[in-house]
Amino acid sequence: MTAKQGLCYLYSIHFGNGPGTSMADTTALYALRFPDGSVSLYVDEQYAQERGVDPSKLVRVEIPREMFISGSVQEVREYVALYLEAYQRQAGNA
């Protein structure tokens, strides 16, 4: 499975698309940013917790649907990293 296929797999799990199900304009991922700037992404809080992550440290990030479907994993990671930088700056000023 390629990384892009894995991301699409997360998409189908998150929405559980079935007949008559409408899709939102965004898809949520949960992110954890490390001091070195790297980012880990999780499909939900339970999955992160199963991997040993404290759910209270996760940030929910809404990814634009088009990027989630056809963007690369690197593009999604960069989007999330920029979002988290802005989020942490705003939290620091609050």
N, C-alpha and C. Protein backbone atom coordinates (compact mmCIF):
# COMPACT_ATOMS: atom_id res chain seq x y z
N MET A 1 0.85 -1.16 0.00
CA MET A 1 0.00 0.00 0.00
C MET A 1 0.90 1.24 0.00
N THR A 2 0.63 2.16 -0.90
CA THR A 2 1.41 3.40 -0.92
C THR A 2 0.88 4.35 0.14
N ALA A 3 1.65 5.39 0.44
CA ALA A 3 1.21 6.37 1.43
C ALA A 3 -0.08 7.03 1.00
N LYS A 4 -0.21 7.35 -0.28
CA LYS A 4 -1.43 8.00 -0.78
C LYS A 4 -2.63 7.06 -0.62
N GLN A 5 -2.45 5.79 -0.92
CA GLN A 5 -3.53 4.83 -0.72
C GLN A 5 -3.90 4.74 0.75
N GLY A 6 -2.88 4.78 1.62
CA GLY A 6 -3.14 4.74 3.06
C GLY A 6 -3.96 5.93 3.50
N LEU A 7 -3.67 7.10 2.94
CA LEU A 7 -4.42 8.30 3.28
C LEU A 7 -5.87 8.17 2.81
N CYS A 8 -6.05 7.63 1.61
CA CYS A 8 -7.42 7.42 1.12
C CYS A 8 -8.14 6.40 2.00
N TYR A 9 -7.41 5.40 2.48
CA TYR A 9 -8.00 4.41 3.39
C TYR A 9 -8.49 5.09 4.66
N LEU A 10 -7.69 6.02 5.19
CA LEU A 10 -8.14 6.77 6.37
C LEU A 10 -9.41 7.53 6.06
N TYR A 11 -9.48 8.09 4.88
CA TYR A 11 -10.65 8.86 4.47
C TYR A 11 -11.90 7.99 4.49
N SER A 12 -11.81 6.80 3.93
CA SER A 12 -12.99 5.94 3.89
C SER A 12 -13.39 5.46 5.28
N ILE A 13 -12.41 5.24 6.15
CA ILE A 13 -12.73 4.85 7.52
C ILE A 13 -13.42 5.99 8.25
N HIS A 14 -12.89 7.18 8.09
CA HIS A 14 -13.43 8.33 8.82
C HIS A 14 -14.89 8.59 8.47
N PHE A 15 -15.21 8.55 7.19
CA PHE A 15 -16.57 8.87 6.78
C PHE A 15 -17.49 7.67 6.78
N GLY A 16 -16.95 6.48 6.56
CA GLY A 16 -17.80 5.31 6.46
C GLY A 16 -18.86 5.51 5.40
N ASN A 17 -18.46 6.04 4.24
CA ASN A 17 -19.40 6.42 3.19
C ASN A 17 -20.27 5.25 2.76
N GLY A 18 -21.53 5.45 2.86
CA GLY A 18 -22.48 4.46 2.39
C GLY A 18 -23.51 5.15 1.53
N PRO A 19 -24.44 4.43 0.98
CA PRO A 19 -25.47 5.03 0.16
C PRO A 19 -26.23 6.10 0.93
N GLY A 20 -26.41 7.24 0.30
CA GLY A 20 -27.17 8.32 0.92
C GLY A 20 -26.38 9.16 1.91
N THR A 21 -25.09 8.86 2.07
CA THR A 21 -24.27 9.62 3.01
C THR A 21 -23.66 10.80 2.27
N SER A 22 -23.86 12.01 2.78
CA SER A 22 -23.25 13.16 2.14
C SER A 22 -21.88 13.39 2.75
N MET A 23 -20.95 13.92 1.94
CA MET A 23 -19.59 14.16 2.40
C MET A 23 -19.45 15.62 2.81
N ALA A 24 -18.72 15.85 3.83
CA ALA A 24 -18.44 17.21 4.29
C ALA A 24 -17.39 17.83 3.39
N ASP A 25 -17.20 19.15 3.54
CA ASP A 25 -16.17 19.84 2.76
C ASP A 25 -14.78 19.65 3.35
N THR A 26 -14.72 19.11 4.54
CA THR A 26 -13.43 18.87 5.18
C THR A 26 -13.44 17.49 5.84
N THR A 27 -12.25 17.04 6.16
CA THR A 27 -12.06 15.79 6.88
C THR A 27 -11.14 16.08 8.05
N ALA A 28 -11.51 15.62 9.22
CA ALA A 28 -10.70 15.89 10.40
C ALA A 28 -9.64 14.81 10.59
N LEU A 29 -8.45 15.27 10.91
CA LEU A 29 -7.38 14.40 11.38
C LEU A 29 -6.93 14.95 12.72
N TYR A 30 -6.31 14.13 13.49
CA TYR A 30 -5.78 14.55 14.79
C TYR A 30 -4.26 14.57 14.67
N ALA A 31 -3.66 15.65 15.12
CA ALA A 31 -2.23 15.84 14.91
C ALA A 31 -1.49 16.08 16.22
N LEU A 32 -0.25 15.67 16.21
CA LEU A 32 0.66 15.91 17.32
C LEU A 32 1.94 16.47 16.70
N ARG A 33 2.35 17.66 17.16
CA ARG A 33 3.57 18.28 16.64
C ARG A 33 4.67 18.14 17.67
N PHE A 34 5.83 17.72 17.22
CA PHE A 34 6.98 17.52 18.09
C PHE A 34 7.87 18.75 18.09
N PRO A 35 8.73 18.90 19.10
CA PRO A 35 9.59 20.09 19.20
C PRO A 35 10.45 20.34 17.96
N ASP A 36 10.81 19.27 17.22
CA ASP A 36 11.63 19.46 16.02
C ASP A 36 10.80 19.89 14.81
N GLY A 37 9.48 20.05 15.00
CA GLY A 37 8.60 20.49 13.92
C GLY A 37 7.93 19.36 13.16
N SER A 38 8.34 18.13 13.40
CA SER A 38 7.70 17.01 12.71
C SER A 38 6.29 16.81 13.25
N VAL A 39 5.48 16.15 12.44
CA VAL A 39 4.06 15.99 12.75
C VAL A 39 3.66 14.53 12.60
N SER A 40 2.89 14.02 13.55
CA SER A 40 2.25 12.71 13.42
C SER A 40 0.76 12.94 13.25
N LEU A 41 0.16 12.17 12.36
CA LEU A 41 -1.27 12.30 12.07
C LEU A 41 -1.99 11.02 12.47
N TYR A 42 -3.20 11.20 13.00
CA TYR A 42 -4.01 10.07 13.45
C TYR A 42 -5.44 10.26 12.95
N VAL A 43 -6.07 9.16 12.60
CA VAL A 43 -7.43 9.22 12.08
C VAL A 43 -8.44 9.58 13.18
N ASP A 44 -8.16 9.18 14.41
CA ASP A 44 -9.04 9.57 15.53
C ASP A 44 -8.26 9.46 16.84
N GLU A 45 -8.87 9.95 17.88
CA GLU A 45 -8.22 9.98 19.19
C GLU A 45 -7.95 8.57 19.73
N GLN A 46 -8.87 7.66 19.49
CA GLN A 46 -8.71 6.29 19.97
C GLN A 46 -7.49 5.62 19.32
N TYR A 47 -7.34 5.82 18.02
CA TYR A 47 -6.19 5.25 17.31
C TYR A 47 -4.89 5.82 17.88
N ALA A 48 -4.86 7.12 18.14
CA ALA A 48 -3.67 7.75 18.72
C ALA A 48 -3.38 7.16 20.10
N GLN A 49 -4.42 7.00 20.89
CA GLN A 49 -4.25 6.46 22.24
C GLN A 49 -3.70 5.03 22.19
N GLU A 50 -4.18 4.25 21.23
CA GLU A 50 -3.67 2.88 21.06
C GLU A 50 -2.18 2.89 20.72
N ARG A 51 -1.71 3.98 20.14
CA ARG A 51 -0.29 4.13 19.78
C ARG A 51 0.51 4.81 20.88
N GLY A 52 -0.11 5.00 22.05
CA GLY A 52 0.60 5.56 23.20
C GLY A 52 0.60 7.07 23.29
N VAL A 53 -0.26 7.73 22.52
CA VAL A 53 -0.33 9.19 22.53
C VAL A 53 -1.38 9.66 23.52
N ASP A 54 -1.07 10.68 24.30
CA ASP A 54 -2.02 11.28 25.22
C ASP A 54 -3.02 12.08 24.39
N PRO A 55 -4.31 11.69 24.36
CA PRO A 55 -5.30 12.39 23.54
C PRO A 55 -5.45 13.87 23.86
N SER A 56 -5.11 14.28 25.08
CA SER A 56 -5.24 15.69 25.42
C SER A 56 -4.20 16.55 24.70
N LYS A 57 -3.17 15.93 24.12
CA LYS A 57 -2.13 16.67 23.40
C LYS A 57 -2.41 16.77 21.90
N LEU A 58 -3.47 16.12 21.45
CA LEU A 58 -3.82 16.13 20.03
C LEU A 58 -4.57 17.41 19.67
N VAL A 59 -4.37 17.84 18.45
CA VAL A 59 -5.11 18.98 17.91
C VAL A 59 -5.91 18.48 16.71
N ARG A 60 -7.19 18.77 16.71
CA ARG A 60 -8.06 18.39 15.59
C ARG A 60 -7.84 19.40 14.47
N VAL A 61 -7.52 18.90 13.28
CA VAL A 61 -7.27 19.76 12.13
C VAL A 61 -8.21 19.35 11.01
N GLU A 62 -8.96 20.31 10.51
CA GLU A 62 -9.86 20.07 9.38
C GLU A 62 -9.07 20.23 8.08
N ILE A 63 -8.99 19.16 7.31
CA ILE A 63 -8.27 19.16 6.04
C ILE A 63 -9.29 19.38 4.92
N PRO A 64 -9.03 20.33 4.01
CA PRO A 64 -9.94 20.50 2.88
C PRO A 64 -10.12 19.18 2.13
N ARG A 65 -11.35 18.86 1.82
CA ARG A 65 -11.67 17.57 1.21
C ARG A 65 -10.85 17.29 -0.05
N GLU A 66 -10.74 18.27 -0.90
CA GLU A 66 -10.01 18.07 -2.16
C GLU A 66 -8.55 17.71 -1.90
N MET A 67 -7.93 18.37 -0.92
CA MET A 67 -6.54 18.05 -0.58
C MET A 67 -6.46 16.65 0.00
N PHE A 68 -7.41 16.29 0.83
CA PHE A 68 -7.40 14.98 1.47
C PHE A 68 -7.54 13.86 0.45
N ILE A 69 -8.37 14.11 -0.57
CA ILE A 69 -8.61 13.08 -1.58
C ILE A 69 -7.47 12.97 -2.58
N SER A 70 -7.00 14.12 -3.09
CA SER A 70 -6.04 14.04 -4.19
C SER A 70 -4.66 14.61 -3.87
N GLY A 71 -4.47 15.14 -2.69
CA GLY A 71 -3.16 15.65 -2.32
C GLY A 71 -2.25 14.53 -1.86
N SER A 72 -0.97 14.82 -1.84
CA SER A 72 -0.01 13.83 -1.35
C SER A 72 0.02 13.86 0.17
N VAL A 73 0.58 12.82 0.76
CA VAL A 73 0.73 12.78 2.21
C VAL A 73 1.60 13.96 2.65
N GLN A 74 2.63 14.27 1.87
CA GLN A 74 3.51 15.39 2.20
C GLN A 74 2.74 16.71 2.21
N GLU A 75 1.86 16.91 1.24
CA GLU A 75 1.05 18.14 1.20
C GLU A 75 0.15 18.24 2.43
N VAL A 76 -0.45 17.13 2.83
CA VAL A 76 -1.30 17.13 4.01
C VAL A 76 -0.46 17.43 5.26
N ARG A 77 0.70 16.81 5.37
CA ARG A 77 1.59 17.06 6.52
C ARG A 77 2.00 18.53 6.58
N GLU A 78 2.35 19.11 5.44
CA GLU A 78 2.74 20.52 5.41
C GLU A 78 1.58 21.42 5.81
N TYR A 79 0.39 21.11 5.32
CA TYR A 79 -0.81 21.87 5.68
C TYR A 79 -1.03 21.82 7.19
N VAL A 80 -0.92 20.62 7.75
CA VAL A 80 -1.13 20.44 9.19
C VAL A 80 -0.04 21.17 9.97
N ALA A 81 1.21 21.06 9.53
CA ALA A 81 2.32 21.73 10.23
C ALA A 81 2.10 23.24 10.26
N LEU A 82 1.70 23.84 9.15
CA LEU A 82 1.43 25.28 9.11
C LEU A 82 0.25 25.64 10.00
N TYR A 83 -0.78 24.81 9.99
CA TYR A 83 -1.94 25.04 10.85
C TYR A 83 -1.52 25.02 12.33
N LEU A 84 -0.71 24.03 12.70
CA LEU A 84 -0.29 23.90 14.09
C LEU A 84 0.62 25.06 14.52
N GLU A 85 1.46 25.54 13.61
CA GLU A 85 2.29 26.71 13.93
C GLU A 85 1.40 27.91 14.26
N ALA A 86 0.41 28.16 13.41
CA ALA A 86 -0.51 29.27 13.65
C ALA A 86 -1.31 29.05 14.92
N TYR A 87 -1.75 27.82 15.16
CA TYR A 87 -2.53 27.48 16.34
C TYR A 87 -1.72 27.74 17.61
N GLN A 88 -0.45 27.32 17.59
CA GLN A 88 0.39 27.50 18.77
C GLN A 88 0.75 28.97 18.98
N ARG A 89 0.93 29.73 17.91
CA ARG A 89 1.17 31.17 18.05
C ARG A 89 -0.04 31.85 18.69
N GLN A 90 -1.22 31.48 18.19
CA GLN A 90 -2.46 32.08 18.72
C GLN A 90 -2.66 31.69 20.18
N ALA A 91 -2.40 30.43 20.52
CA ALA A 91 -2.55 29.99 21.91
C ALA A 91 -1.57 30.70 22.82
N GLY A 92 -0.38 31.00 22.29
CA GLY A 92 0.62 31.70 23.06
C GLY A 92 0.27 33.15 23.32
N ASN A 93 -0.53 33.74 22.43
CA ASN A 93 -0.95 35.13 22.57
C ASN A 93 -2.25 35.28 23.33
N ALA A 94 -2.92 34.18 23.57
CA ALA A 94 -4.22 34.25 24.25
C ALA A 94 -4.08 34.47 25.73
